[in-house]
N, C-alpha and C. Protein backbone atom coordinates (compact mmCIF):
# COMPACT_ATOMS: atom_id res chain seq x y z
N MET A 1 -31.36 -55.03 21.87
CA MET A 1 -32.02 -55.07 23.14
C MET A 1 -31.04 -55.29 24.29
N TYR A 2 -30.16 -56.28 24.18
CA TYR A 2 -29.21 -56.58 25.25
C TYR A 2 -28.04 -55.59 25.22
N SER A 3 -27.57 -55.27 26.39
CA SER A 3 -26.47 -54.31 26.51
C SER A 3 -25.14 -55.03 26.35
N GLY A 4 -24.30 -54.52 25.48
CA GLY A 4 -23.03 -55.16 25.17
C GLY A 4 -21.91 -54.86 26.16
N PHE A 5 -20.77 -55.45 25.89
CA PHE A 5 -19.62 -55.39 26.78
C PHE A 5 -19.17 -53.96 27.06
N TRP A 6 -18.99 -53.14 26.03
CA TRP A 6 -18.41 -51.81 26.23
C TRP A 6 -19.35 -50.88 26.99
N LYS A 7 -20.62 -51.00 26.75
CA LYS A 7 -21.58 -50.18 27.48
C LYS A 7 -21.58 -50.58 28.96
N ARG A 8 -21.51 -51.87 29.21
CA ARG A 8 -21.43 -52.37 30.59
C ARG A 8 -20.14 -51.89 31.25
N PHE A 9 -19.06 -51.94 30.50
CA PHE A 9 -17.77 -51.53 31.04
C PHE A 9 -17.78 -50.05 31.42
N CYS A 10 -18.33 -49.22 30.56
CA CYS A 10 -18.41 -47.78 30.86
C CYS A 10 -19.30 -47.52 32.07
N ALA A 11 -20.39 -48.27 32.19
CA ALA A 11 -21.26 -48.12 33.37
C ALA A 11 -20.49 -48.49 34.63
N TYR A 12 -19.68 -49.54 34.53
CA TYR A 12 -18.89 -49.95 35.69
C TYR A 12 -17.86 -48.87 36.06
N LEU A 13 -17.28 -48.22 35.08
CA LEU A 13 -16.33 -47.14 35.37
C LEU A 13 -17.03 -46.01 36.14
N ILE A 14 -18.22 -45.65 35.72
CA ILE A 14 -18.98 -44.62 36.43
C ILE A 14 -19.29 -45.08 37.85
N ASP A 15 -19.73 -46.33 37.98
CA ASP A 15 -20.01 -46.86 39.32
C ASP A 15 -18.77 -46.88 40.19
N SER A 16 -17.62 -47.15 39.59
CA SER A 16 -16.36 -47.14 40.35
C SER A 16 -16.05 -45.75 40.89
N ILE A 17 -16.34 -44.73 40.11
CA ILE A 17 -16.13 -43.35 40.58
C ILE A 17 -17.06 -43.05 41.75
N VAL A 18 -18.32 -43.46 41.62
CA VAL A 18 -19.29 -43.26 42.71
C VAL A 18 -18.83 -43.99 43.97
N LEU A 19 -18.41 -45.24 43.81
CA LEU A 19 -17.97 -46.03 44.96
C LEU A 19 -16.70 -45.45 45.58
N THR A 20 -15.82 -44.92 44.76
CA THR A 20 -14.61 -44.28 45.30
C THR A 20 -15.01 -43.12 46.21
N GLY A 21 -15.97 -42.33 45.78
CA GLY A 21 -16.48 -41.25 46.63
C GLY A 21 -17.05 -41.77 47.94
N ALA A 22 -17.80 -42.87 47.85
CA ALA A 22 -18.37 -43.48 49.07
C ALA A 22 -17.27 -43.99 49.99
N TYR A 23 -16.23 -44.59 49.40
CA TYR A 23 -15.12 -45.10 50.21
C TYR A 23 -14.35 -43.95 50.87
N ILE A 24 -14.17 -42.87 50.16
CA ILE A 24 -13.47 -41.70 50.75
C ILE A 24 -14.28 -41.17 51.93
N LEU A 25 -15.58 -41.07 51.76
CA LEU A 25 -16.45 -40.64 52.86
C LEU A 25 -16.33 -41.60 54.04
N PHE A 26 -16.35 -42.89 53.75
CA PHE A 26 -16.20 -43.91 54.80
C PHE A 26 -14.88 -43.74 55.54
N ILE A 27 -13.80 -43.49 54.81
CA ILE A 27 -12.48 -43.33 55.43
C ILE A 27 -12.47 -42.13 56.37
N PHE A 28 -13.09 -41.02 55.96
CA PHE A 28 -13.16 -39.85 56.84
C PHE A 28 -13.97 -40.15 58.10
N ILE A 29 -15.10 -40.80 57.94
CA ILE A 29 -15.92 -41.17 59.10
C ILE A 29 -15.15 -42.12 60.00
N TRP A 30 -14.48 -43.07 59.38
CA TRP A 30 -13.71 -44.06 60.14
C TRP A 30 -12.55 -43.40 60.89
N ALA A 31 -11.91 -42.43 60.27
CA ALA A 31 -10.82 -41.70 60.94
C ALA A 31 -11.36 -40.95 62.15
N GLY A 32 -12.55 -40.39 62.02
CA GLY A 32 -13.18 -39.72 63.15
C GLY A 32 -13.48 -40.69 64.28
N PHE A 33 -13.93 -41.89 63.92
CA PHE A 33 -14.19 -42.92 64.92
C PHE A 33 -12.90 -43.32 65.63
N GLU A 34 -11.83 -43.43 64.85
CA GLU A 34 -10.53 -43.77 65.44
C GLU A 34 -10.05 -42.66 66.39
N LEU A 35 -10.25 -41.41 66.01
CA LEU A 35 -9.91 -40.30 66.91
C LEU A 35 -10.73 -40.35 68.19
N PHE A 36 -11.99 -40.72 68.06
CA PHE A 36 -12.85 -40.87 69.24
C PHE A 36 -12.30 -41.95 70.17
N LEU A 37 -11.90 -43.09 69.59
CA LEU A 37 -11.33 -44.17 70.41
C LEU A 37 -10.04 -43.72 71.08
N ASN A 38 -9.23 -42.94 70.36
CA ASN A 38 -7.99 -42.41 70.95
C ASN A 38 -8.31 -41.48 72.12
N ALA A 39 -9.31 -40.63 71.94
CA ALA A 39 -9.70 -39.69 73.00
C ALA A 39 -10.23 -40.42 74.23
N MET A 40 -10.81 -41.59 74.01
CA MET A 40 -11.33 -42.39 75.12
C MET A 40 -10.23 -43.23 75.77
N ASN A 41 -8.98 -43.08 75.28
CA ASN A 41 -7.83 -43.83 75.79
C ASN A 41 -8.03 -45.35 75.73
N VAL A 42 -8.61 -45.80 74.62
CA VAL A 42 -8.81 -47.23 74.42
C VAL A 42 -7.46 -47.86 74.11
N ASN A 43 -7.19 -49.00 74.70
CA ASN A 43 -5.96 -49.75 74.49
C ASN A 43 -5.75 -49.97 72.99
N GLN A 44 -4.51 -49.85 72.52
CA GLN A 44 -4.18 -49.96 71.09
C GLN A 44 -4.63 -51.30 70.51
N ALA A 45 -4.40 -52.39 71.21
CA ALA A 45 -4.78 -53.71 70.71
C ALA A 45 -6.30 -53.83 70.59
N ILE A 46 -7.01 -53.33 71.58
CA ILE A 46 -8.47 -53.37 71.55
C ILE A 46 -8.99 -52.47 70.43
N LYS A 47 -8.37 -51.30 70.27
CA LYS A 47 -8.78 -50.37 69.21
C LYS A 47 -8.61 -51.03 67.84
N GLU A 48 -7.48 -51.68 67.61
CA GLU A 48 -7.24 -52.34 66.32
C GLU A 48 -8.22 -53.48 66.10
N LEU A 49 -8.55 -54.18 67.18
CA LEU A 49 -9.52 -55.27 67.08
C LEU A 49 -10.90 -54.71 66.70
N ILE A 50 -11.31 -53.65 67.38
CA ILE A 50 -12.61 -53.03 67.09
C ILE A 50 -12.65 -52.52 65.65
N LEU A 51 -11.61 -51.80 65.26
CA LEU A 51 -11.56 -51.24 63.91
C LEU A 51 -11.55 -52.34 62.85
N GLY A 52 -10.82 -53.42 63.12
CA GLY A 52 -10.75 -54.52 62.17
C GLY A 52 -12.05 -55.29 62.06
N ILE A 53 -12.65 -55.58 63.21
CA ILE A 53 -13.89 -56.35 63.22
C ILE A 53 -15.03 -55.56 62.58
N LEU A 54 -15.09 -54.28 62.82
CA LEU A 54 -16.16 -53.47 62.25
C LEU A 54 -15.83 -52.93 60.86
N GLY A 55 -14.59 -52.53 60.66
CA GLY A 55 -14.21 -51.84 59.43
C GLY A 55 -14.27 -52.68 58.18
N VAL A 56 -13.73 -53.87 58.24
CA VAL A 56 -13.67 -54.72 57.04
C VAL A 56 -15.08 -55.07 56.54
N PRO A 57 -15.97 -55.56 57.39
CA PRO A 57 -17.32 -55.87 56.88
C PRO A 57 -18.06 -54.64 56.34
N ILE A 58 -17.89 -53.50 57.00
CA ILE A 58 -18.54 -52.28 56.51
C ILE A 58 -17.98 -51.90 55.15
N TYR A 59 -16.66 -51.95 55.01
CA TYR A 59 -16.00 -51.59 53.75
C TYR A 59 -16.49 -52.50 52.62
N ILE A 60 -16.57 -53.80 52.89
CA ILE A 60 -17.01 -54.76 51.88
C ILE A 60 -18.49 -54.55 51.55
N SER A 61 -19.28 -54.24 52.56
CA SER A 61 -20.72 -54.09 52.38
C SER A 61 -21.11 -52.88 51.54
N ILE A 62 -20.27 -51.88 51.50
CA ILE A 62 -20.61 -50.66 50.75
C ILE A 62 -20.89 -50.99 49.28
N ALA A 63 -19.98 -51.70 48.63
CA ALA A 63 -20.17 -52.03 47.20
C ALA A 63 -21.32 -53.00 47.02
N TRP A 64 -21.38 -54.02 47.88
CA TRP A 64 -22.46 -55.00 47.77
C TRP A 64 -23.83 -54.32 47.86
N LEU A 65 -24.02 -53.48 48.88
CA LEU A 65 -25.30 -52.81 49.05
C LEU A 65 -25.59 -51.82 47.93
N TYR A 66 -24.55 -51.15 47.45
CA TYR A 66 -24.73 -50.21 46.34
C TYR A 66 -25.32 -50.94 45.13
N PHE A 67 -24.68 -52.03 44.74
CA PHE A 67 -25.14 -52.76 43.56
C PHE A 67 -26.47 -53.47 43.82
N ALA A 68 -26.57 -54.19 44.92
CA ALA A 68 -27.77 -54.99 45.18
C ALA A 68 -29.01 -54.12 45.40
N LEU A 69 -28.87 -53.04 46.15
CA LEU A 69 -30.03 -52.19 46.41
C LEU A 69 -30.50 -51.45 45.16
N PHE A 70 -29.56 -50.89 44.41
CA PHE A 70 -29.95 -50.17 43.19
C PHE A 70 -30.54 -51.12 42.15
N GLU A 71 -29.90 -52.27 41.93
CA GLU A 71 -30.35 -53.18 40.87
C GLU A 71 -31.67 -53.86 41.21
N SER A 72 -31.99 -54.01 42.49
CA SER A 72 -33.26 -54.63 42.87
C SER A 72 -34.35 -53.59 43.13
N SER A 73 -34.01 -52.33 43.02
CA SER A 73 -35.00 -51.26 43.25
C SER A 73 -35.87 -51.08 42.00
N ASN A 74 -36.83 -50.19 42.09
CA ASN A 74 -37.66 -49.86 40.92
C ASN A 74 -36.83 -49.24 39.80
N LEU A 75 -35.68 -48.69 40.14
CA LEU A 75 -34.80 -48.11 39.12
C LEU A 75 -34.16 -49.19 38.26
N ARG A 76 -33.89 -50.36 38.85
CA ARG A 76 -33.28 -51.51 38.20
C ARG A 76 -31.87 -51.27 37.69
N ALA A 77 -31.22 -50.25 38.19
CA ALA A 77 -29.90 -49.92 37.67
C ALA A 77 -29.12 -49.11 38.70
N THR A 78 -27.81 -49.26 38.64
CA THR A 78 -26.93 -48.41 39.43
C THR A 78 -26.84 -47.05 38.73
N LEU A 79 -26.16 -46.11 39.36
CA LEU A 79 -26.03 -44.79 38.74
C LEU A 79 -25.31 -44.87 37.39
N GLY A 80 -24.30 -45.73 37.30
CA GLY A 80 -23.58 -45.90 36.04
C GLY A 80 -24.46 -46.48 34.95
N LYS A 81 -25.25 -47.48 35.31
CA LYS A 81 -26.17 -48.08 34.33
C LYS A 81 -27.24 -47.07 33.91
N MET A 82 -27.75 -46.30 34.89
CA MET A 82 -28.75 -45.28 34.55
C MET A 82 -28.18 -44.26 33.56
N ALA A 83 -26.94 -43.86 33.78
CA ALA A 83 -26.31 -42.87 32.91
C ALA A 83 -26.21 -43.37 31.47
N LEU A 84 -26.09 -44.69 31.31
CA LEU A 84 -25.96 -45.27 29.98
C LEU A 84 -27.24 -45.91 29.47
N GLY A 85 -28.31 -45.79 30.24
CA GLY A 85 -29.61 -46.27 29.77
C GLY A 85 -29.77 -47.77 29.75
N ILE A 86 -29.18 -48.47 30.71
CA ILE A 86 -29.35 -49.92 30.78
C ILE A 86 -29.92 -50.32 32.14
N ILE A 87 -30.67 -51.41 32.14
CA ILE A 87 -31.27 -51.91 33.38
C ILE A 87 -31.01 -53.40 33.52
N VAL A 88 -31.15 -53.90 34.74
CA VAL A 88 -30.96 -55.32 35.04
C VAL A 88 -32.34 -55.96 35.18
N VAL A 89 -32.55 -57.08 34.49
CA VAL A 89 -33.83 -57.79 34.55
C VAL A 89 -33.59 -59.28 34.72
N ASP A 90 -34.67 -60.02 35.04
CA ASP A 90 -34.57 -61.47 35.15
C ASP A 90 -35.00 -62.11 33.82
N GLU A 91 -35.22 -63.43 33.85
CA GLU A 91 -35.58 -64.15 32.62
C GLU A 91 -36.88 -63.66 32.01
N GLU A 92 -37.80 -63.20 32.84
CA GLU A 92 -39.08 -62.71 32.34
C GLU A 92 -39.06 -61.21 32.10
N GLN A 93 -37.87 -60.65 32.18
CA GLN A 93 -37.61 -59.23 31.97
C GLN A 93 -38.38 -58.36 32.96
N THR A 94 -38.43 -58.84 34.20
CA THR A 94 -39.02 -58.07 35.28
C THR A 94 -37.92 -57.71 36.28
N ARG A 95 -38.27 -56.87 37.22
CA ARG A 95 -37.31 -56.42 38.23
C ARG A 95 -36.78 -57.62 39.02
N ILE A 96 -35.48 -57.60 39.30
CA ILE A 96 -34.89 -58.69 40.07
C ILE A 96 -35.07 -58.44 41.56
N THR A 97 -35.05 -59.52 42.32
CA THR A 97 -35.17 -59.41 43.77
C THR A 97 -33.83 -59.02 44.39
N PHE A 98 -33.87 -58.60 45.64
CA PHE A 98 -32.64 -58.27 46.35
C PHE A 98 -31.75 -59.50 46.46
N LEU A 99 -32.35 -60.66 46.68
CA LEU A 99 -31.58 -61.91 46.77
C LEU A 99 -30.87 -62.20 45.46
N ARG A 100 -31.55 -62.04 44.35
CA ARG A 100 -30.94 -62.28 43.04
C ARG A 100 -29.86 -61.25 42.76
N ALA A 101 -30.10 -60.00 43.14
CA ALA A 101 -29.09 -58.95 42.97
C ALA A 101 -27.86 -59.25 43.82
N THR A 102 -28.09 -59.80 45.00
CA THR A 102 -26.98 -60.20 45.87
C THR A 102 -26.19 -61.34 45.23
N ALA A 103 -26.89 -62.33 44.71
CA ALA A 103 -26.22 -63.45 44.02
C ALA A 103 -25.43 -62.93 42.82
N ARG A 104 -26.00 -61.99 42.10
CA ARG A 104 -25.32 -61.41 40.94
C ARG A 104 -24.04 -60.71 41.38
N TYR A 105 -24.11 -59.95 42.47
CA TYR A 105 -22.93 -59.23 42.95
C TYR A 105 -21.82 -60.20 43.38
N TRP A 106 -22.15 -61.15 44.24
CA TRP A 106 -21.12 -62.04 44.78
C TRP A 106 -20.59 -63.01 43.72
N SER A 107 -21.38 -63.35 42.72
CA SER A 107 -20.87 -64.24 41.67
C SER A 107 -19.91 -63.52 40.73
N LYS A 108 -19.81 -62.19 40.85
CA LYS A 108 -18.80 -61.46 40.08
C LYS A 108 -17.39 -61.87 40.51
N ILE A 109 -17.27 -62.36 41.72
CA ILE A 109 -15.96 -62.86 42.18
C ILE A 109 -15.53 -64.00 41.27
N LEU A 110 -16.47 -64.89 40.95
CA LEU A 110 -16.19 -66.00 40.04
C LEU A 110 -15.76 -65.48 38.67
N SER A 111 -16.44 -64.45 38.19
CA SER A 111 -16.07 -63.85 36.90
C SER A 111 -14.66 -63.28 36.92
N ALA A 112 -14.26 -62.75 38.07
CA ALA A 112 -12.94 -62.12 38.19
C ALA A 112 -11.83 -63.15 38.40
N VAL A 113 -12.11 -64.20 39.16
CA VAL A 113 -11.07 -65.16 39.52
C VAL A 113 -10.50 -65.87 38.30
N ILE A 114 -11.32 -66.07 37.31
CA ILE A 114 -10.84 -66.78 36.11
C ILE A 114 -10.31 -65.78 35.09
N LEU A 115 -9.41 -64.93 35.57
CA LEU A 115 -8.71 -63.94 34.73
C LEU A 115 -9.67 -62.99 34.01
N PHE A 116 -10.76 -62.66 34.66
CA PHE A 116 -11.77 -61.73 34.15
C PHE A 116 -12.48 -62.23 32.89
N ILE A 117 -12.27 -63.50 32.56
CA ILE A 117 -12.94 -64.07 31.39
C ILE A 117 -14.45 -64.05 31.57
N GLY A 118 -14.90 -64.20 32.82
CA GLY A 118 -16.33 -64.15 33.10
C GLY A 118 -16.97 -62.84 32.69
N PHE A 119 -16.22 -61.74 32.79
CA PHE A 119 -16.73 -60.44 32.36
C PHE A 119 -16.67 -60.31 30.84
N ILE A 120 -15.59 -60.78 30.27
CA ILE A 120 -15.38 -60.68 28.82
C ILE A 120 -16.43 -61.48 28.05
N MET A 121 -16.97 -62.52 28.69
CA MET A 121 -18.00 -63.34 28.05
C MET A 121 -19.18 -62.51 27.54
N ALA A 122 -19.43 -61.37 28.19
CA ALA A 122 -20.57 -60.52 27.79
C ALA A 122 -20.44 -60.04 26.35
N GLY A 123 -19.24 -60.01 25.83
CA GLY A 123 -19.05 -59.60 24.45
C GLY A 123 -19.27 -60.71 23.45
N PHE A 124 -19.44 -61.95 23.93
CA PHE A 124 -19.49 -63.08 23.01
C PHE A 124 -20.71 -63.99 23.16
N THR A 125 -21.45 -63.89 24.25
CA THR A 125 -22.62 -64.75 24.42
C THR A 125 -23.81 -64.16 23.65
N PRO A 126 -24.73 -65.02 23.19
CA PRO A 126 -25.85 -64.53 22.37
C PRO A 126 -26.68 -63.43 23.03
N LYS A 127 -26.90 -63.55 24.34
CA LYS A 127 -27.70 -62.54 25.04
C LYS A 127 -26.82 -61.59 25.83
N LYS A 128 -25.55 -61.54 25.45
CA LYS A 128 -24.56 -60.62 26.03
C LYS A 128 -24.48 -60.74 27.56
N GLN A 129 -24.53 -61.99 28.03
CA GLN A 129 -24.44 -62.23 29.47
C GLN A 129 -23.01 -62.51 29.88
N ALA A 130 -22.61 -61.92 31.00
CA ALA A 130 -21.34 -62.27 31.63
C ALA A 130 -21.61 -63.51 32.48
N LEU A 131 -20.55 -64.12 32.99
CA LEU A 131 -20.70 -65.34 33.78
C LEU A 131 -21.61 -65.11 34.99
N HIS A 132 -21.45 -63.98 35.67
CA HIS A 132 -22.28 -63.71 36.84
C HIS A 132 -23.75 -63.50 36.47
N ASP A 133 -24.02 -63.09 35.24
CA ASP A 133 -25.41 -62.98 34.77
C ASP A 133 -25.99 -64.37 34.53
N ILE A 134 -25.19 -65.24 33.97
CA ILE A 134 -25.65 -66.61 33.72
C ILE A 134 -25.93 -67.31 35.05
N VAL A 135 -25.02 -67.16 36.01
CA VAL A 135 -25.18 -67.78 37.33
C VAL A 135 -26.44 -67.26 38.01
N SER A 136 -26.67 -65.96 37.95
CA SER A 136 -27.82 -65.36 38.66
C SER A 136 -29.07 -65.24 37.79
N LYS A 137 -28.99 -65.71 36.55
CA LYS A 137 -30.11 -65.67 35.61
C LYS A 137 -30.64 -64.25 35.43
N THR A 138 -29.72 -63.34 35.11
CA THR A 138 -30.09 -61.94 34.88
C THR A 138 -29.59 -61.50 33.51
N TYR A 139 -30.13 -60.38 33.05
CA TYR A 139 -29.75 -59.80 31.76
C TYR A 139 -29.63 -58.30 31.92
N LEU A 140 -28.73 -57.69 31.17
CA LEU A 140 -28.67 -56.24 31.09
C LEU A 140 -29.26 -55.86 29.74
N VAL A 141 -30.30 -55.04 29.78
CA VAL A 141 -30.97 -54.64 28.55
C VAL A 141 -30.99 -53.12 28.45
N ASN A 142 -31.06 -52.65 27.22
CA ASN A 142 -31.17 -51.21 26.99
C ASN A 142 -32.58 -50.77 27.35
N LYS A 143 -32.67 -49.77 28.20
CA LYS A 143 -33.96 -49.32 28.73
C LYS A 143 -34.90 -48.84 27.62
N LYS A 144 -34.36 -48.34 26.54
CA LYS A 144 -35.24 -47.81 25.49
C LYS A 144 -36.06 -48.91 24.81
N TYR A 145 -35.70 -50.17 25.01
CA TYR A 145 -36.45 -51.28 24.43
C TYR A 145 -37.39 -51.92 25.43
N THR A 146 -37.75 -51.20 26.46
CA THR A 146 -38.67 -51.72 27.47
C THR A 146 -39.95 -50.92 27.46
N TYR A 147 -40.97 -51.53 27.95
CA TYR A 147 -42.29 -50.90 27.99
C TYR A 147 -42.52 -50.28 29.36
N LYS A 148 -42.93 -49.02 29.40
CA LYS A 148 -43.20 -48.36 30.68
C LYS A 148 -44.57 -48.78 31.20
N GLU A 149 -44.59 -49.14 32.48
CA GLU A 149 -45.85 -49.47 33.14
C GLU A 149 -46.53 -48.19 33.59
N ASN A 150 -47.29 -48.25 34.65
CA ASN A 150 -48.06 -47.10 35.12
C ASN A 150 -47.22 -45.90 35.50
N ASP A 151 -46.05 -46.13 36.08
CA ASP A 151 -45.23 -44.99 36.46
C ASP A 151 -44.02 -44.89 35.54
N ASN A 152 -43.23 -43.89 35.74
CA ASN A 152 -42.08 -43.66 34.86
C ASN A 152 -40.83 -44.40 35.30
N ILE A 153 -40.92 -45.19 36.36
CA ILE A 153 -39.74 -45.88 36.86
C ILE A 153 -39.82 -47.37 36.61
N GLN A 154 -40.95 -47.98 36.90
CA GLN A 154 -41.11 -49.43 36.80
C GLN A 154 -41.23 -49.85 35.33
N TYR A 155 -40.47 -50.87 34.94
CA TYR A 155 -40.50 -51.35 33.57
C TYR A 155 -40.82 -52.84 33.56
N THR A 156 -41.63 -53.26 32.60
CA THR A 156 -41.96 -54.68 32.51
C THR A 156 -40.97 -55.41 31.62
N GLY A 157 -40.22 -54.69 30.82
CA GLY A 157 -39.25 -55.33 29.95
C GLY A 157 -39.83 -55.79 28.63
N LYS A 158 -41.09 -55.51 28.34
CA LYS A 158 -41.67 -55.92 27.06
C LYS A 158 -41.06 -55.08 25.95
N ILE A 159 -40.67 -55.74 24.91
CA ILE A 159 -40.00 -55.06 23.80
C ILE A 159 -41.02 -54.32 22.96
N ILE A 160 -40.74 -53.06 22.69
CA ILE A 160 -41.66 -52.28 21.86
C ILE A 160 -41.16 -52.16 20.43
N ASP A 161 -39.95 -52.57 20.20
CA ASP A 161 -39.39 -52.49 18.85
C ASP A 161 -39.38 -53.90 18.28
N SER A 162 -40.28 -54.20 17.35
CA SER A 162 -40.41 -55.56 16.83
C SER A 162 -39.15 -56.02 16.10
N ARG A 163 -38.31 -55.11 15.65
CA ARG A 163 -37.08 -55.50 14.97
C ARG A 163 -36.10 -56.16 15.93
N MET A 164 -36.25 -55.92 17.23
CA MET A 164 -35.30 -56.44 18.21
C MET A 164 -35.73 -57.79 18.77
N LYS A 165 -36.86 -58.34 18.35
CA LYS A 165 -37.34 -59.63 18.88
C LYS A 165 -36.47 -60.76 18.41
């Protein structure tokens, strides 16, 4: 039922490719904005201040919003997770809130700071949780072990395979 370390890792690699594309698009848009500021003859110091004040938060927000919006949506998964058939759920195996998805994203910093041990934990904990999953009280589960509700997107997380209980 729970998604293991390697499946999570592969999903993250796919998400990294998607985010790289988003960052490249951002860089092109940002370069256009910089050209616009140059055409307006904006002072170099002011231009750098504007680009720094706006650019860094936007750059950081791209990954946060990608993960938080997808994981808290009815899809319950990023594009990488969808490709591998895994979804993010809470303790009751229901869709997580945007706030919980945000906590999950930012607590990944904690998983990384301790030499990535927080991520590696997913291979060794009983419910295959990484440190950021434990902190945010979330689980990654294989979608095929969930029960479909009224539509084809929303899942309640009820296990249909009694062998996996």
